[in-house]
Amino acid sequence: MTGMPADIRVLRRDVVPDRRRTAHPEPYAAARRDRYRRAFGDRLRLSDIRVHLARLEPGAATSQRPWHMREGELVMVLENEAGRVCDESETAMPAGRGIGFLREGVANAHRLVHRGEVAALVREVATRRPDIDEVPYPDIGLRCRPGRRFVPRDGTPWERP
């Protein structure tokens, strides 16, 4: 068998480092302190797809609660359980359960919160359109404008507390 074609890349999970960083400004980044992500899409140079493996320690959340105007998203719990928090309710998502969030402005802010005692493992796959996506965060009164710029809901420039 010969080597892989040049347009195919193979990657092992253990060679992609865990990252704790977040684009959220303080004080809103705190919700993600115990969330670690491995960015497979970045490592594989997938320019239009985000693929993350997220580890949520007890009490951690995937994000503040956003909804995307131009990006679709799939989230699947791989190990343990997380709670899906949407506008209408919180629902337990055990391992093996996934959920899709539609793009094109379906206004249902969402996130996963891990309330268990052992870390949960979550796969996140989404379209990647930061150049046109606008992301409201209704719980904290922020919007992420195209280009990943955070502004208060009224559009005034962001001033960190």
C-alpha atoms as a PDB file:
ATOM      1  CA  MET A   1       0.000   0.000   0.000  1.00  0.00           C
ATOM      2  CA  THR A   2       1.314   3.424  -0.924  1.00  0.00           C
ATOM      3  CA  GLY A   3       1.187   6.632   1.114  1.00  0.00           C
ATOM      4  CA  MET A   4      -1.878   8.824   1.507  1.00  0.00           C
ATOM      5  CA  PRO A   5      -2.814  11.241  -1.289  1.00  0.00           C
ATOM      6  CA  ALA A   6      -1.599  14.789  -0.667  1.00  0.00           C
ATOM      7  CA  ASP A   7      -5.149  16.110  -0.146  1.00  0.00           C
ATOM      8  CA  ILE A   8      -5.908  13.670   2.699  1.00  0.00           C
ATOM      9  CA  ARG A   9      -4.528  14.237   6.190  1.00  0.00           C
ATOM     10  CA  VAL A  10      -4.581  11.714   9.012  1.00  0.00           C
ATOM     11  CA  LEU A  11      -4.495  12.899  12.581  1.00  0.00           C
ATOM     12  CA  ARG A  12      -4.375  11.187  15.962  1.00  0.00           C
ATOM     13  CA  ARG A  13      -6.379  12.684  18.792  1.00  0.00           C
ATOM     14  CA  ASP A  14      -3.433  12.772  21.177  1.00  0.00           C
ATOM     15  CA  VAL A  15      -1.312  15.042  18.951  1.00  0.00           C
ATOM     16  CA  VAL A  16      -3.834  17.899  19.033  1.00  0.00           C
ATOM     17  CA  PRO A  17      -3.317  19.912  22.228  1.00  0.00           C
ATOM     18  CA  ASP A  18      -6.084  20.861  24.644  1.00  0.00           C
ATOM     19  CA  ARG A  19      -6.854  24.584  24.563  1.00  0.00           C
ATOM     20  CA  ARG A  20      -8.619  26.615  27.220  1.00  0.00           C
ATOM     21  CA  ARG A  21      -8.714  29.906  25.357  1.00  0.00           C
ATOM     22  CA  THR A  22     -11.948  31.604  24.423  1.00  0.00           C
ATOM     23  CA  ALA A  23     -12.930  34.597  22.332  1.00  0.00           C
ATOM     24  CA  HIS A  24     -15.407  35.731  24.996  1.00  0.00           C
ATOM     25  CA  PRO A  25     -14.360  38.893  26.810  1.00  0.00           C
ATOM     26  CA  GLU A  26     -14.063  38.953  30.587  1.00  0.00           C
ATOM     27  CA  PRO A  27     -16.007  38.516  32.757  1.00  0.00           C
ATOM     28  CA  TYR A  28     -17.950  36.165  30.426  1.00  0.00           C
ATOM     29  CA  ALA A  29     -15.016  33.863  29.698  1.00  0.00           C
ATOM     30  CA  ALA A  30     -15.308  32.397  33.211  1.00  0.00           C
ATOM     31  CA  ALA A  31     -18.061  29.957  32.174  1.00  0.00           C
ATOM     32  CA  ARG A  32     -15.537  28.220  29.919  1.00  0.00           C
ATOM     33  CA  ARG A  33     -12.615  27.969  32.349  1.00  0.00           C
ATOM     34  CA  ASP A  34     -13.029  24.207  32.804  1.00  0.00           C
ATOM     35  CA  ARG A  35     -13.793  23.475  29.169  1.00  0.00           C
ATOM     36  CA  TYR A  36     -10.896  22.153  27.105  1.00  0.00           C
ATOM     37  CA  ARG A  37     -11.045  21.853  23.326  1.00  0.00           C
ATOM     38  CA  ARG A  38      -8.980  20.063  20.744  1.00  0.00           C
ATOM     39  CA  ALA A  39      -9.401  21.925  17.446  1.00  0.00           C
ATOM     40  CA  PHE A  40      -9.180  19.220  14.788  1.00  0.00           C
ATOM     41  CA  GLY A  41     -10.564  21.464  12.043  1.00  0.00           C
ATOM     42  CA  ASP A  42      -7.755  23.975  12.614  1.00  0.00           C
ATOM     43  CA  ARG A  43      -5.070  21.284  12.666  1.00  0.00           C
ATOM     44  CA  LEU A  44      -6.425  19.730   9.458  1.00  0.00           C
ATOM     45  CA  ARG A  45      -6.730  23.177   7.805  1.00  0.00           C
ATOM     46  CA  LEU A  46     -10.465  22.800   7.213  1.00  0.00           C
ATOM     47  CA  SER A  47     -11.328  26.368   6.280  1.00  0.00           C
ATOM     48  CA  ASP A  48     -15.121  26.000   6.218  1.00  0.00           C
ATOM     49  CA  ILE A  49     -15.755  23.452   9.017  1.00  0.00           C
ATOM     50  CA  ARG A  50     -15.029  23.648  12.735  1.00  0.00           C
ATOM     51  CA  VAL A  51     -14.439  20.256  14.387  1.00  0.00           C
ATOM     52  CA  HIS A  52     -13.739  20.214  18.112  1.00  0.00           C
ATOM     53  CA  LEU A  53     -13.449  17.554  20.748  1.00  0.00           C
ATOM     54  CA  ALA A  54     -14.435  19.261  24.003  1.00  0.00           C
ATOM     55  CA  ARG A  55     -13.857  17.979  27.508  1.00  0.00           C
ATOM     56  CA  LEU A  56     -16.181  19.516  30.082  1.00  0.00           C
ATOM     57  CA  GLU A  57     -15.038  19.220  33.659  1.00  0.00           C
ATOM     58  CA  PRO A  58     -17.788  19.168  36.331  1.00  0.00           C
ATOM     59  CA  GLY A  59     -19.626  22.500  36.306  1.00  0.00           C
ATOM     60  CA  ALA A  60     -18.204  23.622  32.938  1.00  0.00           C
ATOM     61  CA  ALA A  61     -20.227  24.904  29.985  1.00  0.00           C
ATOM     62  CA  THR A  62     -19.440  24.791  26.287  1.00  0.00           C
ATOM     63  CA  SER A  63     -20.080  28.523  25.987  1.00  0.00           C
ATOM     64  CA  GLN A  64     -22.256  31.378  27.027  1.00  0.00           C
ATOM     65  CA  ARG A  65     -25.698  30.789  25.409  1.00  0.00           C
ATOM     66  CA  PRO A  66     -25.482  31.942  21.744  1.00  0.00           C
ATOM     67  CA  TRP A  67     -27.432  31.397  18.557  1.00  0.00           C
ATOM     68  CA  HIS A  68     -25.862  31.763  15.132  1.00  0.00           C
ATOM     69  CA  MET A  69     -27.343  33.738  12.257  1.00  0.00           C
ATOM     70  CA  ARG A  70     -25.217  32.096   9.551  1.00  0.00           C
ATOM     71  CA  GLU A  71     -23.625  28.946  10.987  1.00  0.00           C
ATOM     72  CA  GLY A  72     -25.144  25.504  11.576  1.00  0.00           C
ATOM     73  CA  GLU A  73     -23.921  23.259  14.367  1.00  0.00           C
ATOM     74  CA  LEU A  74     -24.007  19.637  15.512  1.00  0.00           C
ATOM     75  CA  VAL A  75     -23.122  18.662  19.086  1.00  0.00           C
ATOM     76  CA  MET A  76     -22.845  15.027  20.218  1.00  0.00           C
ATOM     77  CA  VAL A  77     -22.126  13.766  23.727  1.00  0.00           C
ATOM     78  CA  LEU A  78     -19.551  10.959  23.470  1.00  0.00           C
ATOM     79  CA  GLU A  79     -18.901  10.152  27.147  1.00  0.00           C
ATOM     80  CA  ASN A  80     -20.949  10.717  30.301  1.00  0.00           C
ATOM     81  CA  GLU A  81     -23.790  13.256  30.190  1.00  0.00           C
ATOM     82  CA  ALA A  82     -24.349  16.979  29.715  1.00  0.00           C
ATOM     83  CA  GLY A  83     -27.415  19.174  29.993  1.00  0.00           C
ATOM     84  CA  ARG A  84     -28.622  20.949  26.848  1.00  0.00           C
ATOM     85  CA  VAL A  85     -29.750  24.421  27.867  1.00  0.00           C
ATOM     86  CA  CYS A  86     -31.948  26.194  25.299  1.00  0.00           C
ATOM     87  CA  ASP A  87     -34.453  29.030  25.449  1.00  0.00           C
ATOM     88  CA  GLU A  88     -37.290  26.744  26.508  1.00  0.00           C
ATOM     89  CA  SER A  89     -35.678  24.259  28.919  1.00  0.00           C
ATOM     90  CA  GLU A  90     -32.759  22.149  30.067  1.00  0.00           C
ATOM     91  CA  THR A  91     -32.691  18.540  28.866  1.00  0.00           C
ATOM     92  CA  ALA A  92     -30.285  15.749  29.834  1.00  0.00           C
ATOM     93  CA  MET A  93     -28.158  14.481  26.964  1.00  0.00           C
ATOM     94  CA  PRO A  94     -26.543  11.124  27.770  1.00  0.00           C
ATOM     95  CA  ALA A  95     -23.630   9.661  25.806  1.00  0.00           C
ATOM     96  CA  GLY A  96     -24.662   8.840  22.253  1.00  0.00           C
ATOM     97  CA  ARG A  97     -27.203  11.646  21.955  1.00  0.00           C
ATOM     98  CA  GLY A  98     -26.664  14.573  19.620  1.00  0.00           C
ATOM     99  CA  ILE A  99     -28.493  17.706  18.606  1.00  0.00           C
ATOM    100  CA  GLY A 100     -28.342  19.984  15.585  1.00  0.00           C
ATOM    101  CA  PHE A 101     -28.847  23.729  15.613  1.00  0.00           C
ATOM    102  CA  LEU A 102     -29.961  25.236  12.328  1.00  0.00           C
ATOM    103  CA  ARG A 103     -28.390  28.244  10.715  1.00  0.00           C
ATOM    104  CA  GLU A 104     -30.047  31.213   9.034  1.00  0.00           C
ATOM    105  CA  GLY A 105     -31.273  32.977  12.102  1.00  0.00           C
ATOM    106  CA  VAL A 106     -33.214  30.401  14.107  1.00  0.00           C
ATOM    107  CA  ALA A 107     -33.266  32.273  17.409  1.00  0.00           C
ATOM    108  CA  ASN A 108     -32.793  29.559  20.044  1.00  0.00           C
ATOM    109  CA  ALA A 109     -29.796  30.303  22.240  1.00  0.00           C
ATOM    110  CA  HIS A 110     -28.119  27.134  23.481  1.00  0.00           C
ATOM    111  CA  ARG A 111     -25.177  25.542  25.249  1.00  0.00           C
ATOM    112  CA  LEU A 112     -24.239  22.374  27.092  1.00  0.00           C
ATOM    113  CA  VAL A 113     -23.576  22.437  30.829  1.00  0.00           C
ATOM    114  CA  HIS A 114     -21.948  19.500  32.573  1.00  0.00           C
ATOM    115  CA  ARG A 115     -23.447  18.853  36.002  1.00  0.00           C
ATOM    116  CA  GLY A 116     -21.908  15.412  36.623  1.00  0.00           C
ATOM    117  CA  GLU A 117     -18.937  14.433  38.751  1.00  0.00           C
ATOM    118  CA  VAL A 118     -16.683  13.027  36.001  1.00  0.00           C
ATOM    119  CA  ALA A 119     -15.624  14.908  32.857  1.00  0.00           C
ATOM    120  CA  ALA A 120     -17.898  14.672  29.812  1.00  0.00           C
ATOM    121  CA  LEU A 121     -16.573  14.391  26.250  1.00  0.00           C
ATOM    122  CA  VAL A 122     -18.421  16.249  23.486  1.00  0.00           C
ATOM    123  CA  ARG A 123     -17.912  16.442  19.684  1.00  0.00           C
ATOM    124  CA  GLU A 124     -18.741  19.833  18.143  1.00  0.00           C
ATOM    125  CA  VAL A 125     -19.015  20.227  14.366  1.00  0.00           C
ATOM    126  CA  ALA A 126     -20.115  23.475  12.725  1.00  0.00           C
ATOM    127  CA  THR A 127     -19.874  25.502   9.586  1.00  0.00           C
ATOM    128  CA  ARG A 128     -17.212  28.186   9.851  1.00  0.00           C
ATOM    129  CA  ARG A 129     -18.336  31.583   8.605  1.00  0.00           C
ATOM    130  CA  PRO A 130     -16.901  34.189  11.001  1.00  0.00           C
ATOM    131  CA  ASP A 131     -16.774  36.641   8.082  1.00  0.00           C
ATOM    132  CA  ILE A 132     -20.599  36.816   7.885  1.00  0.00           C
ATOM    133  CA  ASP A 133     -21.922  35.196  11.070  1.00  0.00           C
ATOM    134  CA  GLU A 134     -23.473  37.356  13.760  1.00  0.00           C
ATOM    135  CA  VAL A 135     -24.006  35.727  17.147  1.00  0.00           C
ATOM    136  CA  PRO A 136     -26.354  37.149  19.794  1.00  0.00           C
ATOM    137  CA  TYR A 137     -25.775  36.131  23.426  1.00  0.00           C
ATOM    138  CA  PRO A 138     -29.143  37.049  24.990  1.00  0.00           C
ATOM    139  CA  ASP A 139     -28.262  36.149  28.606  1.00  0.00           C
ATOM    140  CA  ILE A 140     -25.336  38.563  28.810  1.00  0.00           C
ATOM    141  CA  GLY A 141     -26.438  41.294  26.393  1.00  0.00           C
ATOM    142  CA  LEU A 142     -23.566  40.882  23.916  1.00  0.00           C
ATOM    143  CA  ARG A 143     -23.377  40.218  20.192  1.00  0.00           C
ATOM    144  CA  CYS A 144     -20.420  38.845  18.298  1.00  0.00           C
ATOM    145  CA  ARG A 145     -20.291  40.710  14.991  1.00  0.00           C
ATOM    146  CA  PRO A 146     -18.712  39.375  11.794  1.00  0.00           C
ATOM    147  CA  GLY A 147     -14.976  39.115  12.272  1.00  0.00           C
ATOM    148  CA  ARG A 148     -15.480  37.935  15.872  1.00  0.00           C
ATOM    149  CA  ARG A 149     -15.897  41.418  17.365  1.00  0.00           C
ATOM    150  CA  PHE A 150     -17.924  41.573  20.586  1.00  0.00           C
ATOM    151  CA  VAL A 151     -20.245  44.530  21.114  1.00  0.00           C
ATOM    152  CA  PRO A 152     -23.094  45.222  23.549  1.00  0.00           C
ATOM    153  CA  ARG A 153     -26.549  44.415  22.187  1.00  0.00           C
ATOM    154  CA  ASP A 154     -27.165  48.074  21.284  1.00  0.00           C
ATOM    155  CA  GLY A 155     -24.072  48.116  19.018  1.00  0.00           C
ATOM    156  CA  THR A 156     -21.949  50.546  21.022  1.00  0.00           C
ATOM    157  CA  PRO A 157     -18.220  49.752  21.300  1.00  0.00           C
ATOM    158  CA  TRP A 158     -17.350  47.162  23.961  1.00  0.00           C
ATOM    159  CA  GLU A 159     -15.734  48.500  27.099  1.00  0.00           C
ATOM    160  CA  ARG A 160     -14.388  45.839  29.399  1.00  0.00           C
ATOM    161  CA  PRO A 161     -15.596  46.088  33.017  1.00  0.00           C
END
